C-alpha atoms as a PDB file:
ATOM      1  CA  UNK A   1       0.339 -48.189   9.661  1.00  0.00           C
ATOM      2  CA  UNK A   2       3.058 -50.754  10.424  1.00  0.00           C
ATOM      3  CA  UNK A   3       5.127 -49.815   7.376  1.00  0.00           C
ATOM      4  CA  UNK A   4       4.667 -46.112   8.046  1.00  0.00           C
ATOM      5  CA  UNK A   5       5.787 -46.598  11.650  1.00  0.00           C
ATOM      6  CA  UNK A   6       8.719 -48.712  10.475  1.00  0.00           C
ATOM      7  CA  UNK A   7       9.921 -46.116   7.974  1.00  0.00           C
ATOM      8  CA  UNK A   8       9.500 -43.145  10.309  1.00  0.00           C
ATOM      9  CA  UNK A   9      11.203 -44.888  13.232  1.00  0.00           C
ATOM     10  CA  UNK A  10      14.045 -46.102  11.023  1.00  0.00           C
ATOM     11  CA  UNK A  11      14.657 -42.645   9.643  1.00  0.00           C
ATOM     12  CA  UNK A  12      14.377 -40.725  12.919  1.00  0.00           C
ATOM     13  CA  UNK A  13      16.309 -43.244  15.020  1.00  0.00           C
ATOM     14  CA  UNK A  14      19.102 -43.570  12.473  1.00  0.00           C
ATOM     15  CA  UNK A  15      19.588 -39.804  12.296  1.00  0.00           C
ATOM     16  CA  UNK A  16      19.959 -39.638  16.079  1.00  0.00           C
ATOM     17  CA  UNK A  17      22.224 -42.708  16.235  1.00  0.00           C
ATOM     18  CA  UNK A  18      24.549 -41.414  13.525  1.00  0.00           C
ATOM     19  CA  UNK A  19      24.981 -37.966  15.045  1.00  0.00           C
ATOM     20  CA  UNK A  20      25.465 -39.287  18.592  1.00  0.00           C
ATOM     21  CA  UNK A  21      27.884 -41.875  17.212  1.00  0.00           C
ATOM     22  CA  UNK A  22      29.868 -39.180  15.439  1.00  0.00           C
ATOM     23  CA  UNK A  23      30.072 -37.236  18.701  1.00  0.00           C
ATOM     24  CA  UNK A  24      31.422 -40.279  20.566  1.00  0.00           C
ATOM     25  CA  UNK A  25      33.909 -41.038  17.775  1.00  0.00           C
ATOM     26  CA  UNK A  26      35.140 -37.470  17.746  1.00  0.00           C
ATOM     27  CA  UNK A  27      35.588 -37.475  21.522  1.00  0.00           C
ATOM     28  CA  UNK A  28      37.720 -40.599  21.142  1.00  0.00           C
ATOM     29  CA  UNK A  29      39.933 -38.878  18.581  1.00  0.00           C
ATOM     30  CA  UNK A  30      40.344 -35.929  20.943  1.00  0.00           C
ATOM     31  CA  UNK A  31      41.223 -38.254  23.860  1.00  0.00           C
ATOM     32  CA  UNK A  32      38.270 -36.781  25.722  1.00  0.00           C
ATOM     33  CA  UNK A  33      36.586 -40.032  26.749  1.00  0.00           C
ATOM     34  CA  UNK A  34      35.654 -38.527  30.116  1.00  0.00           C
ATOM     35  CA  UNK A  35      32.918 -36.542  28.368  1.00  0.00           C
ATOM     36  CA  UNK A  36      31.255 -39.620  26.856  1.00  0.00           C
ATOM     37  CA  UNK A  37      29.227 -40.412  29.968  1.00  0.00           C
ATOM     38  CA  UNK A  38      27.638 -36.958  29.758  1.00  0.00           C
ATOM     39  CA  UNK A  39      26.633 -37.630  26.161  1.00  0.00           C
ATOM     40  CA  UNK A  40      24.847 -40.769  27.390  1.00  0.00           C
ATOM     41  CA  UNK A  41      23.175 -38.724  30.132  1.00  0.00           C
ATOM     42  CA  UNK A  42      21.787 -36.372  27.485  1.00  0.00           C
ATOM     43  CA  UNK A  43      20.515 -39.304  25.431  1.00  0.00           C
ATOM     44  CA  UNK A  44      18.763 -40.896  28.417  1.00  0.00           C
ATOM     45  CA  UNK A  45      17.137 -37.595  29.396  1.00  0.00           C
ATOM     46  CA  UNK A  46      15.952 -37.116  25.808  1.00  0.00           C
ATOM     47  CA  UNK A  47      14.393 -40.593  25.697  1.00  0.00           C
ATOM     48  CA  UNK A  48      12.621 -39.909  28.989  1.00  0.00           C
ATOM     49  CA  UNK A  49      11.325 -36.596  27.632  1.00  0.00           C
ATOM     50  CA  UNK A  50      10.034 -38.307  24.480  1.00  0.00           C
ATOM     51  CA  UNK A  51       8.183 -40.847  26.619  1.00  0.00           C
ATOM     52  CA  UNK A  52       6.576 -38.046  28.652  1.00  0.00           C
ATOM     53  CA  UNK A  53       5.540 -36.274  25.442  1.00  0.00           C
ATOM     54  CA  UNK A  54       3.929 -39.497  24.190  1.00  0.00           C
ATOM     55  CA  UNK A  55       2.054 -39.819  27.477  1.00  0.00           C
ATOM     56  CA  UNK A  56       0.846 -36.212  27.272  1.00  0.00           C
ATOM     57  CA  UNK A  57      -0.282 -36.759  23.699  1.00  0.00           C
ATOM     58  CA  UNK A  58      -2.350 -39.754  24.761  1.00  0.00           C
ATOM     59  CA  UNK A  59      -3.912 -37.868  27.674  1.00  0.00           C
ATOM     60  CA  UNK A  60      -4.824 -34.933  25.412  1.00  0.00           C
ATOM     61  CA  UNK A  61      -6.282 -37.260  22.788  1.00  0.00           C
ATOM     62  CA  UNK A  62      -8.365 -39.054  25.416  1.00  0.00           C
ATOM     63  CA  UNK A  63      -9.624 -35.691  26.671  1.00  0.00           C
ATOM     64  CA  UNK A  64     -10.656 -34.591  23.179  1.00  0.00           C
ATOM     65  CA  UNK A  65     -12.347 -37.950  22.590  1.00  0.00           C
ATOM     66  CA  UNK A  66     -14.403 -37.575  25.756  1.00  0.00           C
ATOM     67  CA  UNK A  67     -15.841 -34.338  24.345  1.00  0.00           C
ATOM     68  CA  UNK A  68     -16.393 -35.862  20.908  1.00  0.00           C
ATOM     69  CA  UNK A  69     -13.900 -33.446  19.344  1.00  0.00           C
ATOM     70  CA  UNK A  70     -11.074 -35.848  18.565  1.00  0.00           C
ATOM     71  CA  UNK A  71     -11.669 -35.513  14.815  1.00  0.00           C
ATOM     72  CA  UNK A  72     -10.484 -31.896  14.954  1.00  0.00           C
ATOM     73  CA  UNK A  73      -7.367 -32.907  16.884  1.00  0.00           C
ATOM     74  CA  UNK A  74      -6.667 -35.675  14.371  1.00  0.00           C
ATOM     75  CA  UNK A  75      -7.006 -33.270  11.454  1.00  0.00           C
ATOM     76  CA  UNK A  76      -4.749 -30.710  13.100  1.00  0.00           C
ATOM     77  CA  UNK A  77      -2.107 -33.364  13.757  1.00  0.00           C
ATOM     78  CA  UNK A  78      -2.295 -34.497  10.123  1.00  0.00           C
ATOM     79  CA  UNK A  79      -1.627 -31.031   8.719  1.00  0.00           C
ATOM     80  CA  UNK A  80       1.108 -30.294  11.270  1.00  0.00           C
ATOM     81  CA  UNK A  81       2.774 -33.620  10.433  1.00  0.00           C
ATOM     82  CA  UNK A  82       2.773 -32.760   6.735  1.00  0.00           C
ATOM     83  CA  UNK A  83       4.885 -29.711   7.540  1.00  0.00           C
ATOM     84  CA  UNK A  84       7.151 -31.525  10.009  1.00  0.00           C
ATOM     85  CA  UNK A  85       7.759 -34.551   7.776  1.00  0.00           C
ATOM     86  CA  UNK A  86       8.644 -32.312   4.855  1.00  0.00           C
ATOM     87  CA  UNK A  87      10.848 -30.139   7.049  1.00  0.00           C
ATOM     88  CA  UNK A  88      12.604 -33.255   8.356  1.00  0.00           C
ATOM     89  CA  UNK A  89      13.561 -34.364   4.846  1.00  0.00           C
ATOM     90  CA  UNK A  90      14.669 -30.903   3.722  1.00  0.00           C
ATOM     91  CA  UNK A  91      16.547 -30.297   6.994  1.00  0.00           C
ATOM     92  CA  UNK A  92      18.550 -33.508   6.572  1.00  0.00           C
ATOM     93  CA  UNK A  93      19.300 -32.640   2.957  1.00  0.00           C
ATOM     94  CA  UNK A  94      20.704 -29.295   4.115  1.00  0.00           C
ATOM     95  CA  UNK A  95      22.516 -30.620   7.201  1.00  0.00           C
ATOM     96  CA  UNK A  96      24.131 -33.508   5.316  1.00  0.00           C
ATOM     97  CA  UNK A  97      26.316 -30.967   3.508  1.00  0.00           C
ATOM     98  CA  UNK A  98      28.484 -30.496   6.595  1.00  0.00           C
ATOM     99  CA  UNK A  99      26.990 -32.547   9.405  1.00  0.00           C
ATOM    100  CA  UNK A 100      30.432 -33.589  10.665  1.00  0.00           C
ATOM    101  CA  UNK A 101      31.903 -30.091  10.650  1.00  0.00           C
ATOM    102  CA  UNK A 102      28.977 -28.527  12.493  1.00  0.00           C
ATOM    103  CA  UNK A 103      29.052 -31.229  15.151  1.00  0.00           C
ATOM    104  CA  UNK A 104      32.806 -30.858  15.682  1.00  0.00           C
ATOM    105  CA  UNK A 105      32.555 -27.103  16.183  1.00  0.00           C
ATOM    106  CA  UNK A 106      29.989 -27.552  18.953  1.00  0.00           C
ATOM    107  CA  UNK A 107      31.967 -30.322  20.651  1.00  0.00           C
ATOM    108  CA  UNK A 108      35.204 -28.330  20.466  1.00  0.00           C
ATOM    109  CA  UNK A 109      33.482 -25.350  22.067  1.00  0.00           C
ATOM    110  CA  UNK A 110      32.100 -27.503  24.885  1.00  0.00           C
ATOM    111  CA  UNK A 111      35.469 -29.159  25.588  1.00  0.00           C
ATOM    112  CA  UNK A 112      37.390 -25.874  25.419  1.00  0.00           C
ATOM    113  CA  UNK A 113      35.012 -24.367  27.970  1.00  0.00           C
ATOM    114  CA  UNK A 114      35.051 -27.558  30.024  1.00  0.00           C
ATOM    115  CA  UNK A 115      31.270 -27.402  30.020  1.00  0.00           C
ATOM    116  CA  UNK A 116      29.588 -30.648  31.021  1.00  0.00           C
ATOM    117  CA  UNK A 117      26.164 -29.022  30.752  1.00  0.00           C
ATOM    118  CA  UNK A 118      26.861 -28.028  27.135  1.00  0.00           C
ATOM    119  CA  UNK A 119      27.794 -31.630  26.282  1.00  0.00           C
ATOM    120  CA  UNK A 120      24.624 -32.943  27.914  1.00  0.00           C
ATOM    121  CA  UNK A 121      22.479 -30.304  26.251  1.00  0.00           C
ATOM    122  CA  UNK A 122      23.922 -30.942  22.791  1.00  0.00           C
ATOM    123  CA  UNK A 123      23.269 -34.698  22.870  1.00  0.00           C
ATOM    124  CA  UNK A 124      19.902 -34.090  24.562  1.00  0.00           C
ATOM    125  CA  UNK A 125      18.682 -31.715  21.845  1.00  0.00           C
ATOM    126  CA  UNK A 126      19.768 -34.080  19.072  1.00  0.00           C
ATOM    127  CA  UNK A 127      17.841 -37.048  20.431  1.00  0.00           C
ATOM    128  CA  UNK A 128      14.833 -35.198  21.859  1.00  0.00           C
ATOM    129  CA  UNK A 129      14.185 -33.543  18.488  1.00  0.00           C
ATOM    130  CA  UNK A 130      13.971 -36.931  16.798  1.00  0.00           C
ATOM    131  CA  UNK A 131      11.989 -38.436  19.676  1.00  0.00           C
ATOM    132  CA  UNK A 132       9.336 -35.719  19.846  1.00  0.00           C
ATOM    133  CA  UNK A 133       8.968 -35.693  16.069  1.00  0.00           C
ATOM    134  CA  UNK A 134       8.507 -39.472  16.109  1.00  0.00           C
ATOM    135  CA  UNK A 135       5.756 -39.225  18.726  1.00  0.00           C
ATOM    136  CA  UNK A 136       4.006 -36.549  16.687  1.00  0.00           C
ATOM    137  CA  UNK A 137       4.211 -38.593  13.487  1.00  0.00           C
ATOM    138  CA  UNK A 138       2.926 -41.658  15.323  1.00  0.00           C
ATOM    139  CA  UNK A 139      -0.058 -39.591  16.430  1.00  0.00           C
ATOM    140  CA  UNK A 140      -0.708 -38.618  12.794  1.00  0.00           C
ATOM    141  CA  UNK A 141      -0.580 -42.107  11.280  1.00  0.00           C
ATOM    142  CA  UNK A 142      -2.608 -43.630  14.143  1.00  0.00           C
ATOM    143  CA  UNK A 143      -5.297 -40.922  14.133  1.00  0.00           C
ATOM    144  CA  UNK A 144      -4.128 -39.672  17.506  1.00  0.00           C
ATOM    145  CA  UNK A 145      -3.819 -42.950  19.413  1.00  0.00           C
ATOM    146  CA  UNK A 146      -0.031 -43.421  19.721  1.00  0.00           C
ATOM    147  CA  UNK A 147      -0.450 -46.594  21.786  1.00  0.00           C
ATOM    148  CA  UNK A 148      -1.555 -48.382  18.610  1.00  0.00           C
ATOM    149  CA  UNK A 149       1.837 -47.724  17.034  1.00  0.00           C
ATOM    150  CA  UNK A 150       3.816 -48.781  20.088  1.00  0.00           C
ATOM    151  CA  UNK A 151       1.884 -52.055  20.102  1.00  0.00           C
ATOM    152  CA  UNK A 152       2.699 -52.762  16.432  1.00  0.00           C
ATOM    153  CA  UNK A 153       5.819 -54.470  15.136  1.00  0.00           C
ATOM    154  CA  UNK A 154       6.617 -51.648  12.694  1.00  0.00           C
ATOM    155  CA  UNK A 155       8.124 -49.198  15.198  1.00  0.00           C
ATOM    156  CA  UNK A 156      10.193 -51.863  16.954  1.00  0.00           C
ATOM    157  CA  UNK A 157      11.472 -53.251  13.649  1.00  0.00           C
ATOM    158  CA  UNK A 158      12.483 -49.767  12.504  1.00  0.00           C
ATOM    159  CA  UNK A 159      14.381 -49.119  15.745  1.00  0.00           C
ATOM    160  CA  UNK A 160      16.198 -52.462  15.603  1.00  0.00           C
ATOM    161  CA  UNK A 161      17.211 -51.941  11.986  1.00  0.00           C
ATOM    162  CA  UNK A 162      18.439 -48.414  12.776  1.00  0.00           C
ATOM    163  CA  UNK A 163      20.628 -49.846  15.556  1.00  0.00           C
ATOM    164  CA  UNK A 164      22.013 -52.509  13.205  1.00  0.00           C
ATOM    165  CA  UNK A 165      22.783 -49.976  10.456  1.00  0.00           C
ATOM    166  CA  UNK A 166      24.381 -47.643  12.975  1.00  0.00           C
ATOM    167  CA  UNK A 167      26.562 -50.477  14.259  1.00  0.00           C
ATOM    168  CA  UNK A 168      27.618 -51.483  10.752  1.00  0.00           C
ATOM    169  CA  UNK A 169      28.383 -47.867   9.940  1.00  0.00           C
ATOM    170  CA  UNK A 170      30.736 -47.276  12.859  1.00  0.00           C
ATOM    171  CA  UNK A 171      32.425 -50.696  12.669  1.00  0.00           C
ATOM    172  CA  UNK A 172      32.989 -50.214   8.947  1.00  0.00           C
ATOM    173  CA  UNK A 173      31.739 -53.715   8.073  1.00  0.00           C
ATOM    174  CA  UNK A 174      29.399 -52.512   5.352  1.00  0.00           C
ATOM    175  CA  UNK A 175      29.794 -49.979   2.562  1.00  0.00           C
ATOM    176  CA  UNK A 176      26.524 -48.214   1.738  1.00  0.00           C
ATOM    177  CA  UNK A 177      26.000 -44.595   0.812  1.00  0.00           C
ATOM    178  CA  UNK A 178      24.177 -42.782   3.588  1.00  0.00           C
ATOM    179  CA  UNK A 179      23.310 -40.031   1.130  1.00  0.00           C
ATOM    180  CA  UNK A 180      21.494 -42.541  -1.083  1.00  0.00           C
ATOM    181  CA  UNK A 181      19.777 -44.072   1.953  1.00  0.00           C
ATOM    182  CA  UNK A 182      18.431 -40.733   3.163  1.00  0.00           C
ATOM    183  CA  UNK A 183      17.390 -39.747  -0.364  1.00  0.00           C
ATOM    184  CA  UNK A 184      15.327 -42.925  -0.815  1.00  0.00           C
ATOM    185  CA  UNK A 185      13.723 -42.784   2.628  1.00  0.00           C
ATOM    186  CA  UNK A 186      13.145 -39.067   2.116  1.00  0.00           C
ATOM    187  CA  UNK A 187      11.110 -39.728  -1.030  1.00  0.00           C
ATOM    188  CA  UNK A 188       9.018 -42.377   0.751  1.00  0.00           C
ATOM    189  CA  UNK A 189       8.410 -40.058   3.695  1.00  0.00           C
ATOM    190  CA  UNK A 190       7.241 -37.308   1.345  1.00  0.00           C
ATOM    191  CA  UNK A 191       4.680 -39.737  -0.047  1.00  0.00           C
ATOM    192  CA  UNK A 192       3.468 -40.301   3.528  1.00  0.00           C
ATOM    193  CA  UNK A 193       3.253 -36.522   4.032  1.00  0.00           C
ATOM    194  CA  UNK A 194       1.300 -36.083   0.780  1.00  0.00           C
ATOM    195  CA  UNK A 195      -1.048 -38.858   1.863  1.00  0.00           C
ATOM    196  CA  UNK A 196      -1.687 -37.180   5.216  1.00  0.00           C
ATOM    197  CA  UNK A 197      -2.403 -33.901   3.403  1.00  0.00           C
ATOM    198  CA  UNK A 198      -4.962 -35.585   1.162  1.00  0.00           C
ATOM    199  CA  UNK A 199      -6.563 -37.380   4.113  1.00  0.00           C
ATOM    200  CA  UNK A 200      -6.801 -34.142   6.088  1.00  0.00           C
ATOM    201  CA  UNK A 201      -8.514 -32.367   3.195  1.00  0.00           C
ATOM    202  CA  UNK A 202     -10.922 -35.289   2.836  1.00  0.00           C
ATOM    203  CA  UNK A 203     -11.833 -35.116   6.524  1.00  0.00           C
ATOM    204  CA  UNK A 204     -12.494 -31.370   6.347  1.00  0.00           C
ATOM    205  CA  UNK A 205     -14.708 -31.849   3.296  1.00  0.00           C
ATOM    206  CA  UNK A 206     -16.629 -34.657   4.984  1.00  0.00           C
ATOM    207  CA  UNK A 207     -17.201 -32.346   7.961  1.00  0.00           C
ATOM    208  CA  UNK A 208     -18.441 -29.605   5.666  1.00  0.00           C
ATOM    209  CA  UNK A 209     -15.616 -27.290   6.748  1.00  0.00           C
ATOM    210  CA  UNK A 210     -14.060 -27.107   3.295  1.00  0.00           C
ATOM    211  CA  UNK A 211     -15.885 -26.542   0.034  1.00  0.00           C
ATOM    212  CA  UNK A 212     -14.978 -27.664  -3.463  1.00  0.00           C
ATOM    213  CA  UNK A 213     -14.551 -26.319  -6.970  1.00  0.00           C
ATOM    214  CA  UNK A 214     -16.373 -29.374  -8.254  1.00  0.00           C
ATOM    215  CA  UNK A 215     -19.635 -30.122  -6.439  1.00  0.00           C
ATOM    216  CA  UNK A 216     -22.713 -32.282  -6.650  1.00  0.00           C
ATOM    217  CA  UNK A 217     -26.210 -30.912  -7.241  1.00  0.00           C
ATOM    218  CA  UNK A 218     -26.554 -30.609  -3.459  1.00  0.00           C
ATOM    219  CA  UNK A 219     -23.449 -28.423  -3.300  1.00  0.00           C
ATOM    220  CA  UNK A 220     -21.260 -31.066  -1.642  1.00  0.00           C
ATOM    221  CA  UNK A 221     -17.731 -31.927  -2.858  1.00  0.00           C
ATOM    222  CA  UNK A 222     -18.018 -34.356  -5.769  1.00  0.00           C
ATOM    223  CA  UNK A 223     -15.682 -37.215  -6.571  1.00  0.00           C
ATOM    224  CA  UNK A 224     -13.644 -36.704  -9.743  1.00  0.00           C
ATOM    225  CA  UNK A 225     -13.717 -40.445 -10.443  1.00  0.00           C
ATOM    226  CA  UNK A 226     -14.572 -43.659  -8.627  1.00  0.00           C
ATOM    227  CA  UNK A 227     -12.541 -46.822  -9.161  1.00  0.00           C
ATOM    228  CA  UNK A 228     -13.687 -48.722  -6.094  1.00  0.00           C
ATOM    229  CA  UNK A 229     -14.361 -51.721  -8.360  1.00  0.00           C
ATOM    230  CA  UNK A 230     -10.664 -51.803  -9.275  1.00  0.00           C
ATOM    231  CA  UNK A 231      -9.049 -51.205  -5.882  1.00  0.00           C
ATOM    232  CA  UNK A 232     -10.965 -49.878  -2.859  1.00  0.00           C
ATOM    233  CA  UNK A 233      -8.912 -47.823  -0.425  1.00  0.00           C
ATOM    234  CA  UNK A 234     -10.084 -49.862   2.563  1.00  0.00           C
ATOM    235  CA  UNK A 235     -11.219 -53.446   3.126  1.00  0.00           C
ATOM    236  CA  UNK A 236     -14.527 -52.098   4.492  1.00  0.00           C
ATOM    237  CA  UNK A 237     -15.145 -50.368   1.154  1.00  0.00           C
ATOM    238  CA  UNK A 238     -14.485 -53.719  -0.507  1.00  0.00           C
ATOM    239  CA  UNK A 239     -17.062 -55.403   1.739  1.00  0.00           C
ATOM    240  CA  UNK A 240     -19.635 -52.680   0.992  1.00  0.00           C
ATOM    241  CA  UNK A 241     -19.035 -52.968  -2.753  1.00  0.00           C
ATOM    242  CA  UNK A 242     -19.439 -56.748  -2.677  1.00  0.00           C
ATOM    243  CA  UNK A 243     -22.608 -56.416  -0.595  1.00  0.00           C
ATOM    244  CA  UNK A 244     -24.157 -53.789  -2.856  1.00  0.00           C
ATOM    245  CA  UNK A 245     -23.227 -55.242  -6.259  1.00  0.00           C
ATOM    246  CA  UNK A 246     -22.523 -58.906  -5.646  1.00  0.00           C
ATOM    247  CA  UNK A 247     -19.242 -58.519  -7.558  1.00  0.00           C
ATOM    248  CA  UNK A 248     -15.637 -58.878  -6.476  1.00  0.00           C
ATOM    249  CA  UNK A 249     -13.067 -56.105  -6.798  1.00  0.00           C
ATOM    250  CA  UNK A 250      -9.986 -56.568  -8.971  1.00  0.00           C
ATOM    251  CA  UNK A 251      -7.447 -55.744  -6.233  1.00  0.00           C
ATOM    252  CA  UNK A 252      -7.987 -56.415  -2.531  1.00  0.00           C
ATOM    253  CA  UNK A 253      -8.920 -53.606  -0.185  1.00  0.00           C
ATOM    254  CA  UNK A 254      -5.989 -54.647   2.018  1.00  0.00           C
ATOM    255  CA  UNK A 255      -3.625 -53.548  -0.741  1.00  0.00           C
ATOM    256  CA  UNK A 256      -5.683 -50.402  -1.211  1.00  0.00           C
ATOM    257  CA  UNK A 257      -5.347 -49.684   2.515  1.00  0.00           C
ATOM    258  CA  UNK A 258      -1.563 -49.902   2.240  1.00  0.00           C
ATOM    259  CA  UNK A 259      -1.550 -47.685  -0.856  1.00  0.00           C
ATOM    260  CA  UNK A 260      -3.757 -45.145   0.916  1.00  0.00           C
ATOM    261  CA  UNK A 261      -1.546 -45.063   3.996  1.00  0.00           C
ATOM    262  CA  UNK A 262       1.725 -45.018   2.102  1.00  0.00           C
ATOM    263  CA  UNK A 263       0.968 -43.009  -1.027  1.00  0.00           C
ATOM    264  CA  UNK A 264      -2.286 -41.173  -0.279  1.00  0.00           C
ATOM    265  CA  UNK A 265      -4.327 -43.316  -2.676  1.00  0.00           C
ATOM    266  CA  UNK A 266      -8.077 -42.712  -2.850  1.00  0.00           C
ATOM    267  CA  UNK A 267     -10.541 -44.536  -5.063  1.00  0.00           C
ATOM    268  CA  UNK A 268     -12.835 -41.482  -5.205  1.00  0.00           C
ATOM    269  CA  UNK A 269     -10.841 -38.277  -4.624  1.00  0.00           C
ATOM    270  CA  UNK A 270     -12.216 -34.760  -4.753  1.00  0.00           C
ATOM    271  CA  UNK A 271     -10.772 -32.061  -7.000  1.00  0.00           C
ATOM    272  CA  UNK A 272      -9.013 -30.438  -4.029  1.00  0.00           C
ATOM    273  CA  UNK A 273      -7.364 -33.698  -3.011  1.00  0.00           C
ATOM    274  CA  UNK A 274      -5.922 -34.204  -6.499  1.00  0.00           C
ATOM    275  CA  UNK A 275      -4.725 -30.610  -6.756  1.00  0.00           C
ATOM    276  CA  UNK A 276      -3.202 -30.730  -3.248  1.00  0.00           C
ATOM    277  CA  UNK A 277      -1.362 -33.975  -4.018  1.00  0.00           C
ATOM    278  CA  UNK A 278       0.131 -32.660  -7.252  1.00  0.00           C
ATOM    279  CA  UNK A 279       0.815 -29.234  -5.762  1.00  0.00           C
ATOM    280  CA  UNK A 280       2.623 -30.700  -2.756  1.00  0.00           C
ATOM    281  CA  UNK A 281       5.164 -32.564  -4.866  1.00  0.00           C
ATOM    282  CA  UNK A 282       5.557 -29.595  -7.207  1.00  0.00           C
ATOM    283  CA  UNK A 283       6.408 -27.272  -4.313  1.00  0.00           C
ATOM    284  CA  UNK A 284       8.774 -29.774  -2.686  1.00  0.00           C
ATOM    285  CA  UNK A 285      10.518 -30.397  -6.000  1.00  0.00           C
ATOM    286  CA  UNK A 286      11.021 -26.663  -6.550  1.00  0.00           C
ATOM    287  CA  UNK A 287      12.275 -26.207  -2.980  1.00  0.00           C
ATOM    288  CA  UNK A 288      14.773 -29.052  -3.312  1.00  0.00           C
ATOM    289  CA  UNK A 289      16.029 -27.682  -6.631  1.00  0.00           C
ATOM    290  CA  UNK A 290      16.618 -24.339  -4.950  1.00  0.00           C
ATOM    291  CA  UNK A 291      18.575 -26.071  -2.182  1.00  0.00           C
ATOM    292  CA  UNK A 292      20.694 -27.930  -4.727  1.00  0.00           C
ATOM    293  CA  UNK A 293      21.364 -24.784  -6.736  1.00  0.00           C
ATOM    294  CA  UNK A 294      22.483 -22.957  -3.596  1.00  0.00           C
ATOM    295  CA  UNK A 295      19.840 -20.262  -3.879  1.00  0.00           C
ATOM    296  CA  UNK A 296      18.475 -21.086  -0.419  1.00  0.00           C
ATOM    297  CA  UNK A 297      21.453 -22.631   1.322  1.00  0.00           C
ATOM    298  CA  UNK A 298      25.011 -21.938   0.189  1.00  0.00           C
ATOM    299  CA  UNK A 299      26.393 -25.065  -1.436  1.00  0.00           C
ATOM    300  CA  UNK A 300      29.241 -26.846   0.342  1.00  0.00           C
ATOM    301  CA  UNK A 301      31.178 -29.989  -0.366  1.00  0.00           C
ATOM    302  CA  UNK A 302      29.116 -33.053   0.471  1.00  0.00           C
ATOM    303  CA  UNK A 303      30.411 -34.200   3.835  1.00  0.00           C
ATOM    304  CA  UNK A 304      27.929 -36.968   4.559  1.00  0.00           C
ATOM    305  CA  UNK A 305      30.033 -40.071   5.256  1.00  0.00           C
ATOM    306  CA  UNK A 306      29.389 -43.480   3.717  1.00  0.00           C
ATOM    307  CA  UNK A 307      29.534 -46.952   5.207  1.00  0.00           C
ATOM    308  CA  UNK A 308      33.150 -47.975   4.780  1.00  0.00           C
ATOM    309  CA  UNK A 309      35.945 -49.645   6.651  1.00  0.00           C
ATOM    310  CA  UNK A 310      37.724 -46.315   7.000  1.00  0.00           C
ATOM    311  CA  UNK A 311      34.948 -43.890   7.773  1.00  0.00           C
ATOM    312  CA  UNK A 312      36.514 -40.487   8.403  1.00  0.00           C
ATOM    313  CA  UNK A 313      35.423 -38.556  11.453  1.00  0.00           C
ATOM    314  CA  UNK A 314      37.350 -35.399  10.672  1.00  0.00           C
ATOM    315  CA  UNK A 315      36.630 -33.284   7.627  1.00  0.00           C
END
């Protein structure tokens, strides 16, 4: 969970920091520094809203738990997060084509109209989108209890690193391709999404809410294979295996737990889990190819800036 929280926080926070930073840089170039304070107001309001959303999430989860129905909430959050995580990656891939140009158009419109509210709203929507998504993803990886994530070092480490990268970007002290950074983190996040999809299907099958193409004699979903002796997906499975057989596993359940959380690993998956895992990446790959070919979004020159000493703000 710590690494998942780290990666999600790093990605979401960095997106917000970069776009807000570009807004502030552009205002400087326009000699419109008087609007900067309203950008900060929007950011602060967005952070407050994200905190309230996290609080509401926790209250709702506690309410479901009191009725013994939290498993349904957890499953719903998992499937919703699969969609949102995937959308986040694809959205950034699309927006990176002209992220600077789109931002400048909105800022120019706000300054031309002299609209303080538009400046606040623009910065607010940028940050609140990332903040609310982060809360939702935290709920997914923590099975609904977002306080577990806030108490871990993963989220804090991700935020601190995002701030450092953002600082290095705008001071021009480091030259790293942002496009490459978002591509790599995007791939890792898609693995997290695929893992949540597999976990959600497993939960539904355990509850008897989802059948299977491959069943046991009792009609229950059957495991396609079982390699718990090689690497159990949880340290508790390792303890059970050692207790039942008296043998040790080849790879620790702690590593299996990380692989399960990060890549959707299961030592005894059902047919539906395997098909869903493969199908997810197939669909995402096709969708991304369509984006690249311009069949979904019209192709534009890649405007995503890189870390450099002379980072351009204007197109």
